[in-house]
Amino acid sequence: MATLAKNILGKYALLIVLLATMIVFEILLPSGVSLFSAHNLNNLIVQNSYVVILAIGMLLCIISGGNIDLAVGSIVILVGAIAGIFIVEWGMNPYLAIILCMIIGTLIGSWQAFWIAYIGIPSFIVTLAGMLTFRGIALIIMGARNIGPFPEEYRNLFNSFLPAHWLNDPSGSAIFVSTLVIGILVSAVIVVTKVVSYVQRQRKGYEVGNIGQEMLYPIIICAAILFLFYQLGHHNGMPAVLLIIGIVFVLYSYFTQNTTWGRHLYAMGGNEKAAKLSGIDTKKILFFAYANNGFLASIAALVVVARFNQASTQAGVGFELDVIAACFIGGASAYGGTGKVGGVVIGAIFMGVLNMGMSLLGADINLQRVINGFVLMAAVTFDIMSKKRRAVA
């Protein structure tokens, strides 16, 4: 029993800490204020949507060898400024502008990737230069002004609610039922996928654990999803940005776990020299990681400008710090080769819960920064100490 409890604690430590943190805040909050209310859960999703998207891109850079991208916040403001010029000032079709912005974001990421992967300049130097350069270009383009407002057609792509956006239901009953059904379908897909994966690994002769232990994590996740969609049904339905996050999550989870390039990323991060000797084109893999980070940063930029209804000169400030923290708290290793998309998403949610909980308690912003810094340091320290223990063993 002790061994089982230890295994569960080790495997689901971050999830347990997240749930415990939410419960503690719920106890500390004054009467009438709840972290689990429909309104606050909706705000938690919307306010941290960009962190989740950026963190998934950053994860691929970290997996490739502990590399980070300090320029993601600056890419967000630059692509946001370009989107403002395209859509607001030039009146370009929003869908065409979105495609062009994603291409531009990918090109920016590719510019950094070239110097890192093929010239061999350390990622810290290249992305630090990018952080200064891209923000400077954005401010020159914007001319010290915010660009907005954006047309409703564009804002609805990111700020509307599903299925409320499609239904005319003043009573809210159809919205509630439809939202709950979406949650049930998502949960069913997670459970079925996990069961099928378990059976396939068992048939191939892989070592698998007890089915009960294997299903514990997805069952907890499904319970959380059902509760979330139940609450969102009492609000306005599912935020459209949650659908975007879901698509990004599924695509990159599959990519990292089930594709050759994904396995090459982990191999490169685990031992770059061994990866080269095994025939992996490590330069191409590293190039892809940073180019992809630019692509996802462009999506985050489109989400940010839609949320604030303007391309702001202050957009993207400090984003890179939130994103890096989410990755390391979510289980990514400072040495590379370790980390999962699901863990990073939970890490981003944890940061969001921490910030929202302290804000609802009225904590000073400087105290919030101190606590966030302490949590990040604790996460990285835990990673390093764990590696040392495994090395000794």
Protein backbone atom coordinates (compact mmCIF):
# COMPACT_ATOMS: atom_id res chain seq x y z
CA MET A 1 0.00 0.00 0.00
CA ALA A 2 2.85 2.37 0.88
CA THR A 3 4.54 1.63 -2.43
CA LEU A 4 1.30 2.24 -4.33
CA ALA A 5 0.76 5.56 -2.55
CA LYS A 6 4.36 6.57 -3.29
CA ASN A 7 3.96 5.71 -6.99
CA ILE A 8 0.70 7.66 -7.24
CA LEU A 9 2.22 10.65 -5.44
CA GLY A 10 5.26 10.61 -7.71
CA LYS A 11 3.29 10.22 -10.92
CA TYR A 12 0.49 12.68 -10.15
CA ALA A 13 2.34 15.11 -7.88
CA LEU A 14 1.61 18.22 -9.99
CA LEU A 15 -2.07 17.39 -10.33
CA ILE A 16 -2.35 16.79 -6.58
CA VAL A 17 -0.61 20.11 -5.85
CA LEU A 18 -2.96 21.91 -8.26
CA LEU A 19 -6.08 20.45 -6.65
CA ALA A 20 -4.74 21.16 -3.16
CA THR A 21 -3.94 24.76 -4.11
CA MET A 22 -7.45 25.32 -5.47
CA ILE A 23 -9.01 23.86 -2.31
CA VAL A 24 -6.82 26.06 -0.07
CA PHE A 25 -7.83 29.20 -1.99
CA GLU A 26 -11.48 28.14 -1.83
CA ILE A 27 -11.21 27.89 1.96
CA LEU A 28 -9.39 31.21 2.33
CA LEU A 29 -11.65 33.23 0.04
CA PRO A 30 -14.34 35.32 1.74
CA SER A 31 -17.96 34.16 1.80
CA GLY A 32 -19.71 34.62 -1.53
CA VAL A 33 -16.49 34.44 -3.56
CA SER A 34 -15.57 31.12 -5.17
CA LEU A 35 -12.66 30.11 -7.34
CA PHE A 36 -14.92 27.44 -8.83
CA SER A 37 -17.70 29.81 -9.90
CA ALA A 38 -18.67 29.81 -13.58
CA HIS A 39 -17.48 33.39 -14.00
CA ASN A 40 -14.05 32.79 -12.44
CA LEU A 41 -13.49 29.52 -14.31
CA ASN A 42 -14.30 31.30 -17.56
CA ASN A 43 -11.86 34.09 -16.66
CA LEU A 44 -9.21 31.51 -15.77
CA ILE A 45 -9.46 30.03 -19.27
CA VAL A 46 -9.56 33.34 -21.13
CA GLN A 47 -6.83 35.06 -19.13
CA ASN A 48 -4.39 32.15 -19.45
CA SER A 49 -5.17 31.03 -23.00
CA TYR A 50 -2.09 32.73 -24.45
CA VAL A 51 0.14 31.18 -21.75
CA VAL A 52 -1.01 27.66 -22.66
CA ILE A 53 -0.44 28.19 -26.39
CA LEU A 54 2.97 29.77 -25.89
CA ALA A 55 4.01 27.17 -23.31
CA ILE A 56 3.36 24.31 -25.74
CA GLY A 57 5.66 25.98 -28.28
CA MET A 58 8.28 26.70 -25.63
CA LEU A 59 8.13 23.07 -24.50
CA LEU A 60 9.46 21.85 -27.85
CA CYS A 61 12.44 24.21 -27.54
CA ILE A 62 13.14 23.02 -23.99
CA ILE A 63 12.77 19.34 -24.91
CA SER A 64 15.36 19.77 -27.67
CA GLY A 65 18.08 20.47 -25.12
CA GLY A 66 16.98 22.82 -22.37
CA ASN A 67 16.82 25.76 -24.79
CA ILE A 68 14.47 28.68 -24.13
CA ASP A 69 13.07 31.46 -26.29
CA LEU A 70 13.17 34.88 -24.62
CA ALA A 71 11.60 36.57 -27.65
CA VAL A 72 8.08 35.08 -27.53
CA GLY A 73 6.60 38.16 -25.85
CA SER A 74 8.15 40.42 -28.45
CA ILE A 75 6.89 38.20 -31.27
CA VAL A 76 3.40 38.54 -29.76
CA ILE A 77 3.50 42.34 -29.83
CA LEU A 78 5.01 42.45 -33.34
CA VAL A 79 2.51 40.04 -34.89
CA GLY A 80 -0.29 41.80 -32.98
CA ALA A 81 0.82 45.15 -34.42
CA ILE A 82 0.89 43.67 -37.92
CA ALA A 83 -2.60 42.21 -37.39
CA GLY A 84 -3.83 45.64 -36.30
CA ILE A 85 -2.45 47.28 -39.43
CA PHE A 86 -3.82 44.56 -41.71
CA ILE A 87 -7.32 44.36 -40.22
CA VAL A 88 -8.00 47.76 -38.64
CA GLU A 89 -6.07 50.21 -40.81
CA TRP A 90 -6.05 48.42 -44.16
CA GLY A 91 -9.46 46.75 -43.81
CA MET A 92 -8.09 43.38 -44.91
CA ASN A 93 -10.29 40.30 -44.76
CA PRO A 94 -9.79 38.89 -41.20
CA TYR A 95 -9.25 35.33 -42.42
CA LEU A 96 -6.59 36.38 -44.92
CA ALA A 97 -4.94 38.54 -42.25
CA ILE A 98 -4.87 35.60 -39.81
CA ILE A 99 -3.14 33.38 -42.39
CA LEU A 100 -0.58 36.08 -43.22
CA CYS A 101 0.11 36.73 -39.52
CA MET A 102 0.75 33.03 -38.90
CA ILE A 103 3.14 32.95 -41.87
CA ILE A 104 4.94 36.04 -40.58
CA GLY A 105 5.21 34.55 -37.08
CA THR A 106 6.70 31.37 -38.56
CA LEU A 107 9.21 33.41 -40.59
CA ILE A 108 10.25 35.32 -37.46
CA GLY A 109 10.74 32.04 -35.63
CA SER A 110 12.67 30.68 -38.61
CA TRP A 111 14.98 33.71 -38.55
CA GLN A 112 15.96 32.91 -34.97
CA ALA A 113 16.09 29.18 -35.74
CA PHE A 114 18.63 29.73 -38.53
CA TRP A 115 21.14 31.46 -36.25
CA ILE A 116 20.65 28.94 -33.45
CA ALA A 117 20.57 25.70 -35.44
CA TYR A 118 22.86 26.35 -38.40
CA ILE A 119 25.23 29.12 -37.24
CA GLY A 120 25.55 27.76 -33.73
CA ILE A 121 24.90 30.95 -31.73
CA PRO A 122 23.52 30.11 -28.26
CA SER A 123 19.74 30.36 -28.08
CA PHE A 124 19.95 32.71 -25.09
CA ILE A 125 21.88 35.29 -27.14
CA VAL A 126 19.78 34.98 -30.29
CA THR A 127 16.44 35.19 -28.52
CA LEU A 128 17.62 38.00 -26.22
CA ALA A 129 18.53 39.95 -29.36
CA GLY A 130 15.16 38.99 -30.81
CA MET A 131 13.37 40.19 -27.69
CA LEU A 132 14.89 43.66 -28.13
CA THR A 133 14.69 43.78 -31.93
CA PHE A 134 11.13 42.57 -32.48
CA ARG A 135 9.68 44.79 -29.76
CA GLY A 136 11.55 47.76 -31.17
CA ILE A 137 10.21 47.06 -34.68
CA ALA A 138 6.68 46.71 -33.28
CA LEU A 139 6.87 50.07 -31.48
CA ILE A 140 8.21 51.72 -34.63
CA ILE A 141 5.33 50.27 -36.65
CA MET A 142 2.74 51.33 -34.08
CA GLY A 143 4.18 54.81 -33.63
CA ALA A 144 3.59 54.81 -29.84
CA ARG A 145 -0.16 54.28 -30.34
CA ASN A 146 -2.54 51.41 -29.77
CA ILE A 147 -4.34 50.10 -32.87
CA GLY A 148 -8.02 49.25 -32.52
CA PRO A 149 -10.86 48.50 -32.21
CA PHE A 150 -11.00 45.30 -34.23
CA PRO A 151 -14.13 44.39 -36.20
CA GLU A 152 -16.70 42.16 -34.51
CA GLU A 153 -16.23 39.43 -37.12
CA TYR A 154 -12.63 39.03 -36.01
CA ARG A 155 -13.32 39.25 -32.29
CA ASN A 156 -16.00 36.58 -32.48
CA LEU A 157 -13.44 34.08 -33.75
CA PHE A 158 -11.70 34.21 -30.37
CA ASN A 159 -14.07 35.87 -27.88
CA SER A 160 -17.43 34.25 -28.60
CA PHE A 161 -18.97 31.31 -26.76
CA LEU A 162 -19.95 27.93 -28.13
CA PRO A 163 -22.72 26.97 -28.63
CA ALA A 164 -24.18 30.28 -27.35
CA HIS A 165 -22.84 32.00 -30.47
CA TRP A 166 -24.99 29.69 -32.60
CA LEU A 167 -28.12 29.45 -30.43
CA ASN A 168 -30.85 31.97 -29.69
CA ASP A 169 -31.70 30.76 -26.21
CA PRO A 170 -32.67 33.49 -23.72
CA SER A 171 -33.45 30.91 -21.01
CA GLY A 172 -29.97 29.36 -21.27
CA SER A 173 -31.27 25.78 -20.93
CA ALA A 174 -30.21 24.70 -24.44
CA ILE A 175 -26.79 26.32 -23.93
CA PHE A 176 -26.35 24.44 -20.65
CA VAL A 177 -27.33 21.07 -22.15
CA SER A 178 -25.20 21.57 -25.27
CA THR A 179 -22.16 22.61 -23.24
CA LEU A 180 -22.52 19.62 -20.91
CA VAL A 181 -22.85 17.28 -23.89
CA ILE A 182 -19.58 18.66 -25.30
CA GLY A 183 -17.90 17.92 -21.96
CA ILE A 184 -19.28 14.36 -21.91
CA LEU A 185 -18.05 13.72 -25.46
CA VAL A 186 -14.58 15.05 -24.67
CA SER A 187 -14.41 12.86 -21.55
CA ALA A 188 -15.57 9.80 -23.49
CA VAL A 189 -12.87 10.33 -26.11
CA ILE A 190 -10.18 10.60 -23.40
CA VAL A 191 -11.30 7.38 -21.68
CA VAL A 192 -11.64 5.40 -24.91
CA THR A 193 -8.26 6.62 -26.17
CA LYS A 194 -6.57 5.60 -22.93
CA VAL A 195 -8.19 2.16 -22.90
CA VAL A 196 -7.28 1.50 -26.55
CA SER A 197 -3.68 2.60 -25.87
CA TYR A 198 -3.48 0.31 -22.84
CA VAL A 199 -4.78 -2.70 -24.79
CA GLN A 200 -2.43 -2.06 -27.72
CA ARG A 201 0.62 -1.80 -25.46
CA GLN A 202 -0.42 -4.97 -23.67
CA ARG A 203 -0.79 -6.87 -26.95
CA LYS A 204 2.64 -5.71 -28.12
CA GLY A 205 4.21 -7.08 -24.97
CA TYR A 206 5.10 -3.74 -23.40
CA GLU A 207 5.23 -3.48 -19.64
CA VAL A 208 1.94 -2.02 -18.42
CA GLY A 209 0.69 -1.26 -14.94
CA ASN A 210 -2.55 -2.19 -13.28
CA ILE A 211 -5.53 -0.99 -15.33
CA GLY A 212 -6.91 0.80 -12.27
CA GLN A 213 -3.72 2.81 -11.79
CA GLU A 214 -3.49 3.50 -15.52
CA MET A 215 -7.04 4.89 -15.58
CA LEU A 216 -6.73 6.98 -12.42
CA TYR A 217 -5.25 10.01 -14.17
CA PRO A 218 -7.72 10.14 -17.09
CA ILE A 219 -10.65 9.61 -14.70
CA ILE A 220 -9.54 12.58 -12.59
CA ILE A 221 -9.06 14.68 -15.72
CA CYS A 222 -12.50 13.68 -17.02
CA ALA A 223 -14.12 14.55 -13.68
CA ALA A 224 -12.47 17.98 -13.85
CA ILE A 225 -13.62 18.44 -17.46
CA LEU A 226 -17.22 17.50 -16.64
CA PHE A 227 -17.26 19.91 -13.70
CA LEU A 228 -15.73 22.66 -15.85
CA PHE A 229 -18.26 22.24 -18.66
CA TYR A 230 -21.10 21.98 -16.13
CA GLN A 231 -20.07 25.35 -14.71
CA LEU A 232 -19.46 26.93 -18.12
CA GLY A 233 -22.96 25.84 -19.11
CA HIS A 234 -24.24 28.09 -16.33
CA HIS A 235 -22.28 31.00 -17.79
CA ASN A 236 -22.35 31.52 -21.56
CA GLY A 237 -21.10 28.16 -22.74
CA MET A 238 -17.62 27.12 -23.80
CA PRO A 239 -15.25 30.00 -24.70
CA ALA A 240 -14.20 29.78 -28.36
CA VAL A 241 -10.58 30.14 -27.27
CA LEU A 242 -10.92 26.87 -25.34
CA LEU A 243 -11.60 25.12 -28.64
CA ILE A 244 -8.40 26.64 -30.06
CA ILE A 245 -6.45 25.48 -26.99
CA GLY A 246 -7.97 22.01 -27.33
CA ILE A 247 -6.95 21.71 -30.98
CA VAL A 248 -3.38 22.85 -30.23
CA PHE A 249 -3.19 20.47 -27.27
CA VAL A 250 -4.37 17.42 -29.25
CA LEU A 251 -2.15 18.12 -32.26
CA TYR A 252 1.03 18.65 -30.26
CA SER A 253 0.34 15.81 -27.82
CA TYR A 254 0.07 13.49 -30.81
CA PHE A 255 3.11 15.03 -32.47
CA THR A 256 5.42 14.67 -29.46
CA GLN A 257 4.28 11.18 -28.48
CA ASN A 258 3.43 9.46 -31.77
CA THR A 259 5.61 10.85 -34.56
CA THR A 260 9.20 10.31 -35.61
CA TRP A 261 10.03 13.99 -35.33
CA GLY A 262 8.58 14.07 -31.83
CA ARG A 263 10.74 11.13 -30.76
CA HIS A 264 13.76 12.80 -32.34
CA LEU A 265 13.14 15.90 -30.22
CA TYR A 266 13.30 13.83 -27.03
CA ALA A 267 16.33 11.90 -28.28
CA MET A 268 18.17 15.11 -29.09
CA GLY A 269 17.37 16.58 -25.68
CA GLY A 270 18.45 13.41 -23.92
CA ASN A 271 21.83 13.14 -25.64
CA GLU A 272 22.56 15.27 -28.68
CA LYS A 273 25.79 13.46 -29.60
CA ALA A 274 24.11 10.05 -29.46
CA ALA A 275 21.23 11.43 -31.54
CA LYS A 276 23.67 12.61 -34.22
CA LEU A 277 25.43 9.24 -34.27
CA SER A 278 22.09 7.50 -34.73
CA GLY A 279 21.45 9.52 -37.89
CA ILE A 280 19.12 12.25 -36.56
CA ASP A 281 19.53 15.62 -38.26
CA THR A 282 19.71 17.59 -35.02
CA LYS A 283 20.08 20.93 -36.80
CA LYS A 284 16.83 20.39 -38.67
CA ILE A 285 15.05 19.33 -35.48
CA LEU A 286 16.29 22.40 -33.60
CA PHE A 287 15.33 24.64 -36.51
CA PHE A 288 11.82 23.20 -36.47
CA ALA A 289 11.44 23.77 -32.71
CA TYR A 290 12.14 27.50 -32.97
CA ALA A 291 10.25 28.04 -36.22
CA ASN A 292 7.25 26.30 -34.66
CA ASN A 293 7.58 28.51 -31.58
CA GLY A 294 7.19 31.55 -33.83
CA PHE A 295 4.10 29.98 -35.39
CA LEU A 296 2.41 29.37 -32.03
CA ALA A 297 3.45 32.83 -30.82
CA SER A 298 1.55 34.28 -33.80
CA ILE A 299 -1.59 32.37 -32.75
CA ALA A 300 -1.17 33.67 -29.20
CA ALA A 301 -0.81 37.21 -30.62
CA LEU A 302 -4.10 36.87 -32.51
CA VAL A 303 -5.80 35.70 -29.31
CA VAL A 304 -4.35 38.58 -27.28
CA VAL A 305 -5.38 41.37 -29.66
CA ALA A 306 -8.88 39.91 -29.91
CA ARG A 307 -9.21 39.73 -26.14
CA PHE A 308 -8.15 43.37 -25.59
CA ASN A 309 -9.74 44.57 -28.84
CA GLN A 310 -6.55 46.40 -29.75
CA ALA A 311 -2.90 45.91 -30.58
CA SER A 312 -1.27 47.47 -27.53
CA THR A 313 2.23 48.84 -27.08
CA GLN A 314 2.29 46.99 -23.73
CA ALA A 315 1.30 43.60 -25.15
CA GLY A 316 3.64 40.70 -24.52
CA VAL A 317 5.49 42.28 -21.59
CA GLY A 318 6.67 39.50 -19.30
CA PHE A 319 4.97 36.77 -21.34
CA GLU A 320 8.22 34.84 -21.74
CA LEU A 321 8.61 34.61 -17.96
CA ASP A 322 5.08 33.23 -17.45
CA VAL A 323 5.60 30.72 -20.24
CA ILE A 324 9.00 29.48 -19.07
CA ALA A 325 7.63 29.13 -15.53
CA ALA A 326 4.63 27.13 -16.80
CA CYS A 327 6.96 24.74 -18.65
CA PHE A 328 9.26 24.02 -15.74
CA ILE A 329 6.46 23.80 -13.20
CA GLY A 330 4.71 21.46 -15.63
CA GLY A 331 7.56 18.96 -15.53
CA ALA A 332 9.87 20.04 -18.36
CA SER A 333 13.52 19.43 -17.50
CA ALA A 334 16.03 22.26 -17.45
CA TYR A 335 18.41 19.83 -19.18
CA GLY A 336 16.05 18.91 -22.01
CA GLY A 337 14.68 15.57 -23.13
CA THR A 338 11.83 15.51 -20.59
CA GLY A 339 8.38 17.04 -20.54
CA LYS A 340 4.87 16.45 -21.82
CA VAL A 341 2.27 18.74 -23.35
CA GLY A 342 -0.28 17.72 -20.73
CA GLY A 343 2.10 18.57 -17.91
CA VAL A 344 2.83 22.00 -19.37
CA VAL A 345 -0.90 22.74 -19.68
CA ILE A 346 -1.37 21.82 -16.02
CA GLY A 347 1.63 24.01 -15.18
CA ALA A 348 0.03 26.95 -16.99
CA ILE A 349 -3.28 26.31 -15.19
CA PHE A 350 -1.42 26.17 -11.87
CA MET A 351 0.16 29.57 -12.53
CA GLY A 352 -3.24 30.95 -13.50
CA VAL A 353 -4.89 29.55 -10.36
CA LEU A 354 -2.10 30.97 -8.21
CA ASN A 355 -2.44 34.45 -9.74
CA MET A 356 -6.23 34.46 -9.70
CA GLY A 357 -6.45 33.14 -6.14
CA MET A 358 -4.04 35.77 -4.83
CA SER A 359 -5.87 38.50 -6.76
CA LEU A 360 -9.23 37.44 -5.29
CA LEU A 361 -7.62 37.54 -1.83
CA GLY A 362 -6.40 41.06 -2.56
CA ALA A 363 -2.71 40.16 -2.36
CA ASP A 364 -0.23 42.84 -3.39
CA ILE A 365 1.12 42.39 -6.93
CA ASN A 366 4.69 42.40 -5.62
CA LEU A 367 3.86 39.57 -3.21
CA GLN A 368 2.42 37.64 -6.16
CA ARG A 369 5.72 38.01 -7.99
CA VAL A 370 7.65 36.79 -4.96
CA ILE A 371 5.46 33.68 -4.67
CA ASN A 372 5.64 32.98 -8.42
CA GLY A 373 9.43 33.22 -8.27
CA PHE A 374 9.56 30.89 -5.29
CA VAL A 375 7.33 28.33 -7.03
CA LEU A 376 9.50 28.40 -10.19
CA MET A 377 12.69 27.97 -8.15
CA ALA A 378 11.14 25.08 -6.24
CA ALA A 379 10.09 23.34 -9.47
CA VAL A 380 13.54 23.59 -11.08
CA THR A 381 15.25 22.55 -7.83
CA PHE A 382 13.01 19.50 -7.63
CA ASP A 383 13.93 18.57 -11.21
CA ILE A 384 17.68 18.90 -10.57
CA MET A 385 17.58 16.99 -7.27
CA SER A 386 15.54 14.20 -8.87
CA LYS A 387 18.13 13.81 -11.63
CA LYS A 388 20.95 13.67 -9.08
CA ARG A 389 19.14 10.96 -7.08
CA ARG A 390 18.58 8.89 -10.23
CA ALA A 391 22.23 9.32 -11.22
CA VAL A 392 23.40 8.07 -7.81
CA ALA A 393 20.98 5.14 -7.93
